[in-house]
Amino acid sequence: MTSRTLFHGWLNGIGAVLLGILSIGQAQAQIFVDSGSNIAAYNTDGTVINTNLISSSAIGLATSQNNLFVGVNDVINEYAFDGTAVGTPLVSAVGVNGNPLSTRLAVSGNTIYASYWQSNFGTSAIGVYTTSGTTVNDSLITNLPGFTGDIVVSGSNLFIGNQGKVLEYTTSGTLLSSSFLGASNFAAFTILGNDLFAATTGGTIKQYNATTGALINGSFITGLPTDIMDLSSNENALYVLEKSEGTIGKYDATTGSAINASLVTGLNSPTSLTVVVTPEPSSTALLILGSVLLALWHTDAGLPRLNSRP
């Protein structure tokens, strides 16, 4: 066996190993959901990752590209997707005045939007923080009546669920619409592309244009329980969190048909979920693979061989 043959065999072996590493590291979506005093993680096919990923209750869950943010009481905690604590707390005092209690979270880039209930005043407000824990503006939006529901960021707009309505603001806090969808019986909503899906208190999910608020389909999904707590969306699928039944249902975001109406079961009074695509293959692995391929190209391009003689 020549040195050249050995060399090519070595390169091919290294390439196979690296391709294996990359295939393991390919992006996958995961579901995070609160269940009683725990936060659980599931694959999007419903298989369990860890039913006790984090020993913490949660009112609001949101994700960045790499980490999970948990709103509980008056703090925001940060965890890696494997449950490792990164910042506990990341934000030690959400909001100001009125005995604030954190409710829902939304993350856009390096910015966290957090709603909080001012129990002394009976109103809610929205604070803004960086993903490194710095307070930007803890009173971006104030004097919202009652509790706030979901918060969703879409481009430069911020959508907030409040007393059954969906409010529209700019991310700088300017009110654009006090009733974006023109109705007031919504329990939860999510945005996927240019579609806004809103669950009513009557167990129906309606489809709207996320730019104009125009109704597209008033019966997109029907016959659901009347205690939907949260909606999330990812990769052309809707995930519906139902409190009394303790389930997550998965539905096609194009047709509304059920993919699995009981994707996850056995949750304990859940209130919040989020679905996220975990990171792509590491840049280091990609760099090594590129170097291997470059070496192969050079070898076949007629550069000196290992078994060449002077």
Foldseek 3Di string as FASTA:
>chain_A
DDPQVVVVVVLVVVLVVLVVLQVVQAKFKKKWWFFVQAIFIAGPQLHGPGHHQDRGGAQEWEDDQFWIWGFFFQFIWIAGPSSHGDPVGLADGQADAQRWGWHYWYDDDQKIWIKIANPNVQWIAIFMAGVNRHGDGSHQDTGQHHDKAYWYDDPQWIWIRGQQAIWIDGVSNHGDDPHQQVDRFFQEWEDDDQWIWTAGLQAAIWIAGNPRNHTDGRRQDHDGHNAFQYWEDDDQWIWTQHFPQRAIWIAGNVRRHTPGGRSDGDGHRIRYMYMHIHDRDDPVSVVVSVVSVVVVVCVVVPDDGPNDDD
